[in-house]
C-alpha atoms as a PDB file:
ATOM      1  CA  MET A   1       0.000   0.000   0.000  1.00  0.00           C
ATOM      2  CA  PHE A   2       1.418   3.339  -1.106  1.00  0.00           C
ATOM      3  CA  LYS A   3       0.834   6.065   1.474  1.00  0.00           C
ATOM      4  CA  VAL A   4       1.308   9.775   0.896  1.00  0.00           C
ATOM      5  CA  ILE A   5       1.069  12.539   3.464  1.00  0.00           C
ATOM      6  CA  PHE A   6       0.006  15.999   2.374  1.00  0.00           C
ATOM      7  CA  ALA A   7       1.256  18.539   4.891  1.00  0.00           C
ATOM      8  CA  CYS A   8       0.946  22.242   5.477  1.00  0.00           C
ATOM      9  CA  VAL A   9       1.208  24.365   8.585  1.00  0.00           C
ATOM     10  CA  HIS A  10      -2.395  24.391   9.855  1.00  0.00           C
ATOM     11  CA  ASN A  11      -3.776  21.345   8.001  1.00  0.00           C
ATOM     12  CA  ALA A  12      -6.948  23.310   7.398  1.00  0.00           C
ATOM     13  CA  GLY A  13      -6.927  23.986   3.659  1.00  0.00           C
ATOM     14  CA  ARG A  14      -4.522  22.850   0.942  1.00  0.00           C
ATOM     15  CA  SER A  15      -3.455  19.575   2.530  1.00  0.00           C
ATOM     16  CA  GLN A  16      -7.056  18.654   3.360  1.00  0.00           C
ATOM     17  CA  MET A  17      -8.097  19.250  -0.255  1.00  0.00           C
ATOM     18  CA  ALA A  18      -5.165  17.230  -1.596  1.00  0.00           C
ATOM     19  CA  ALA A  19      -5.766  14.216   0.654  1.00  0.00           C
ATOM     20  CA  ALA A  20      -9.493  14.260  -0.109  1.00  0.00           C
ATOM     21  CA  PHE A  21      -8.896  14.346  -3.876  1.00  0.00           C
ATOM     22  CA  PHE A  22      -6.198  11.666  -3.615  1.00  0.00           C
ATOM     23  CA  ASN A  23      -8.450   9.287  -1.672  1.00  0.00           C
ATOM     24  CA  HIS A  24     -11.362  10.031  -4.009  1.00  0.00           C
ATOM     25  CA  LEU A  25      -9.362   9.367  -7.190  1.00  0.00           C
ATOM     26  CA  ALA A  26      -6.831   6.701  -6.162  1.00  0.00           C
ATOM     27  CA  ASP A  27      -7.334   2.967  -6.395  1.00  0.00           C
ATOM     28  CA  PRO A  28      -8.135   2.144  -2.731  1.00  0.00           C
ATOM     29  CA  GLN A  29      -6.387  -1.222  -3.125  1.00  0.00           C
ATOM     30  CA  LYS A  30      -3.121   0.519  -4.025  1.00  0.00           C
ATOM     31  CA  ALA A  31      -2.927   3.834  -2.204  1.00  0.00           C
ATOM     32  CA  HIS A  32      -4.123   6.032   0.633  1.00  0.00           C
ATOM     33  CA  ALA A  33      -3.439   9.615   1.673  1.00  0.00           C
ATOM     34  CA  ALA A  34      -3.434  11.390   4.998  1.00  0.00           C
ATOM     35  CA  SER A  35      -3.118  15.073   5.701  1.00  0.00           C
ATOM     36  CA  ALA A  36      -1.416  16.730   8.631  1.00  0.00           C
ATOM     37  CA  GLY A  37       0.116  19.966   9.819  1.00  0.00           C
ATOM     38  CA  THR A  38       3.041  21.187  11.843  1.00  0.00           C
ATOM     39  CA  GLU A  39       0.757  23.532  13.824  1.00  0.00           C
ATOM     40  CA  PRO A  40      -2.762  22.158  13.238  1.00  0.00           C
ATOM     41  CA  GLY A  41      -5.669  24.575  13.307  1.00  0.00           C
ATOM     42  CA  GLU A  42      -8.957  23.984  15.090  1.00  0.00           C
ATOM     43  CA  ARG A  43     -10.988  23.170  11.971  1.00  0.00           C
ATOM     44  CA  VAL A  44     -10.918  23.036   8.193  1.00  0.00           C
ATOM     45  CA  HIS A  45     -11.452  26.512   6.753  1.00  0.00           C
ATOM     46  CA  PRO A  46     -15.139  27.084   5.901  1.00  0.00           C
ATOM     47  CA  GLU A  47     -14.246  28.440   2.459  1.00  0.00           C
ATOM     48  CA  VAL A  48     -12.390  25.183   1.735  1.00  0.00           C
ATOM     49  CA  GLN A  49     -15.328  23.077   2.910  1.00  0.00           C
ATOM     50  CA  ALA A  50     -17.658  25.095   0.666  1.00  0.00           C
ATOM     51  CA  VAL A  51     -15.657  24.741  -2.559  1.00  0.00           C
ATOM     52  CA  MET A  52     -14.994  21.043  -1.972  1.00  0.00           C
ATOM     53  CA  GLN A  53     -18.721  20.483  -1.412  1.00  0.00           C
ATOM     54  CA  GLU A  54     -19.275  22.024  -4.861  1.00  0.00           C
ATOM     55  CA  VAL A  55     -17.368  19.087  -6.394  1.00  0.00           C
ATOM     56  CA  GLY A  56     -19.082  16.472  -4.228  1.00  0.00           C
ATOM     57  CA  ILE A  57     -16.450  16.035  -1.523  1.00  0.00           C
ATOM     58  CA  ASP A  58     -17.642  16.543   2.038  1.00  0.00           C
ATOM     59  CA  LEU A  59     -14.985  17.773   4.467  1.00  0.00           C
ATOM     60  CA  SER A  60     -17.397  18.558   7.296  1.00  0.00           C
ATOM     61  CA  ASP A  61     -16.000  15.693   9.388  1.00  0.00           C
ATOM     62  CA  ALA A  62     -12.350  16.359   8.528  1.00  0.00           C
ATOM     63  CA  ARG A  63     -10.200  17.482  11.454  1.00  0.00           C
ATOM     64  CA  PRO A  64      -6.723  18.987  11.348  1.00  0.00           C
ATOM     65  CA  GLN A  65      -4.115  16.717  12.906  1.00  0.00           C
ATOM     66  CA  LYS A  66      -0.474  17.044  13.860  1.00  0.00           C
ATOM     67  CA  LEU A  67       2.211  15.556  11.653  1.00  0.00           C
ATOM     68  CA  THR A  68       3.796  13.008  13.948  1.00  0.00           C
ATOM     69  CA  GLU A  69       6.621  10.537  13.502  1.00  0.00           C
ATOM     70  CA  GLU A  70       4.052   7.765  13.970  1.00  0.00           C
ATOM     71  CA  LEU A  71       1.936   9.070  11.091  1.00  0.00           C
ATOM     72  CA  ALA A  72       4.956   9.602   8.854  1.00  0.00           C
ATOM     73  CA  LYS A  73       6.724   6.296   9.387  1.00  0.00           C
ATOM     74  CA  SER A  74       4.322   4.273   7.259  1.00  0.00           C
ATOM     75  CA  ALA A  75       4.388   6.736   4.338  1.00  0.00           C
ATOM     76  CA  GLN A  76       6.464   6.653   1.175  1.00  0.00           C
ATOM     77  CA  LEU A  77       5.966  10.277   0.123  1.00  0.00           C
ATOM     78  CA  LEU A  78       5.553  13.615   1.880  1.00  0.00           C
ATOM     79  CA  ILE A  79       4.137  16.492  -0.135  1.00  0.00           C
ATOM     80  CA  THR A  80       4.363  19.880   1.508  1.00  0.00           C
ATOM     81  CA  MET A  81       2.070  22.648   0.396  1.00  0.00           C
ATOM     82  CA  GLY A  82       4.049  25.858   0.062  1.00  0.00           C
ATOM     83  CA  CYS A  83       4.690  26.385   3.763  1.00  0.00           C
ATOM     84  CA  GLY A  84       8.231  27.713   3.335  1.00  0.00           C
ATOM     85  CA  ASP A  85      10.486  27.424   6.370  1.00  0.00           C
ATOM     86  CA  LYS A  86       7.685  25.891   8.413  1.00  0.00           C
ATOM     87  CA  CYS A  87       7.430  22.859   6.116  1.00  0.00           C
ATOM     88  CA  PRO A  88       8.140  19.630   7.926  1.00  0.00           C
ATOM     89  CA  TYR A  89      11.114  17.444   7.168  1.00  0.00           C
ATOM     90  CA  VAL A  90      10.827  13.735   7.828  1.00  0.00           C
ATOM     91  CA  PRO A  91      14.060  11.754   7.408  1.00  0.00           C
ATOM     92  CA  GLY A  92      13.797   8.884   4.949  1.00  0.00           C
ATOM     93  CA  LEU A  93      10.664  10.121   3.178  1.00  0.00           C
ATOM     94  CA  ARG A  94      10.732  11.127  -0.457  1.00  0.00           C
ATOM     95  CA  ARG A  95       9.547  14.720  -0.527  1.00  0.00           C
ATOM     96  CA  ASP A  96       7.982  17.140  -2.961  1.00  0.00           C
ATOM     97  CA  ASP A  97       6.686  20.671  -2.461  1.00  0.00           C
ATOM     98  CA  TRP A  98       3.672  22.143  -4.182  1.00  0.00           C
ATOM     99  CA  PRO A  99       3.909  25.943  -3.824  1.00  0.00           C
ATOM    100  CA  LEU A 100       0.228  26.778  -3.371  1.00  0.00           C
ATOM    101  CA  ARG A 101      -1.388  29.819  -1.780  1.00  0.00           C
ATOM    102  CA  ASP A 102      -3.087  29.400   1.571  1.00  0.00           C
ATOM    103  CA  PRO A 103      -6.852  29.604   0.875  1.00  0.00           C
ATOM    104  CA  LYS A 104      -7.725  31.039   4.299  1.00  0.00           C
ATOM    105  CA  GLY A 105      -9.738  34.224   3.947  1.00  0.00           C
ATOM    106  CA  LEU A 106      -9.649  34.283   0.147  1.00  0.00           C
ATOM    107  CA  SER A 107     -12.672  34.787  -2.091  1.00  0.00           C
ATOM    108  CA  ALA A 108     -14.612  31.766  -3.290  1.00  0.00           C
ATOM    109  CA  GLU A 109     -13.222  32.331  -6.793  1.00  0.00           C
ATOM    110  CA  GLU A 110      -9.613  32.291  -5.514  1.00  0.00           C
ATOM    111  CA  VAL A 111     -10.248  29.186  -3.382  1.00  0.00           C
ATOM    112  CA  ARG A 112     -11.815  27.426  -6.388  1.00  0.00           C
ATOM    113  CA  ALA A 113      -8.663  28.167  -8.414  1.00  0.00           C
ATOM    114  CA  ILE A 114      -6.499  26.635  -5.656  1.00  0.00           C
ATOM    115  CA  ARG A 115      -8.860  23.645  -5.427  1.00  0.00           C
ATOM    116  CA  ASP A 116      -8.637  23.058  -9.167  1.00  0.00           C
ATOM    117  CA  GLU A 117      -4.836  23.284  -9.133  1.00  0.00           C
ATOM    118  CA  VAL A 118      -4.685  20.840  -6.217  1.00  0.00           C
ATOM    119  CA  LYS A 119      -6.907  18.398  -8.107  1.00  0.00           C
ATOM    120  CA  GLN A 120      -4.766  18.663 -11.241  1.00  0.00           C
ATOM    121  CA  ARG A 121      -1.569  18.052  -9.251  1.00  0.00           C
ATOM    122  CA  VAL A 122      -3.136  15.051  -7.489  1.00  0.00           C
ATOM    123  CA  GLN A 123      -4.261  13.586 -10.826  1.00  0.00           C
ATOM    124  CA  GLU A 124      -0.741  14.006 -12.227  1.00  0.00           C
ATOM    125  CA  LEU A 125       0.745  12.342  -9.124  1.00  0.00           C
ATOM    126  CA  LEU A 126      -1.642   9.392  -9.393  1.00  0.00           C
ATOM    127  CA  GLU A 127      -0.844   8.914 -13.078  1.00  0.00           C
ATOM    128  CA  ARG A 128       2.918   9.214 -12.499  1.00  0.00           C
ATOM    129  CA  GLU A 129       2.824   6.674  -9.656  1.00  0.00           C
ATOM    130  CA  ASN A 130       0.317   4.441 -11.518  1.00  0.00           C
ATOM    131  CA  LEU A 131      -2.155   4.634  -8.622  1.00  0.00           C
ATOM    132  CA  ASP A 132      -5.315   5.961 -10.238  1.00  0.00           C
ATOM    133  CA  GLN A 133      -8.453   3.843 -10.466  1.00  0.00           C
ATOM    134  CA  SER A 134      -8.049   3.225 -14.194  1.00  0.00           C
ATOM    135  CA  SER A 135      -4.630   1.580 -13.894  1.00  0.00           C
END
């Protein structure tokens, strides 16, 4: 089982969207994603919940969680989400960074653009790793 962790600082926006898209689009027999943050917020941003609901993904039960060694040790890939110096480093994990804007407080139109970019990047990752449902 291939496991990826999507991480940002507060785990309340970008990383939640990425993990949700990954788990929605990946072959569940091959891959799973988790999301986490270095300084988790209290809840997923409402603007993120709203734009994900528009594409049929419900994040109302999603909760930010801390990126721990326990969570990371079973993963093969860590994707950070443009968090700069606050991005986590986990020894031994392959790492990539997706430089995406934080959606907190942005207009619905701006959050939709971030959502769509996240989805495109997730689709490209799944195809590259041969983990999508069609493979």
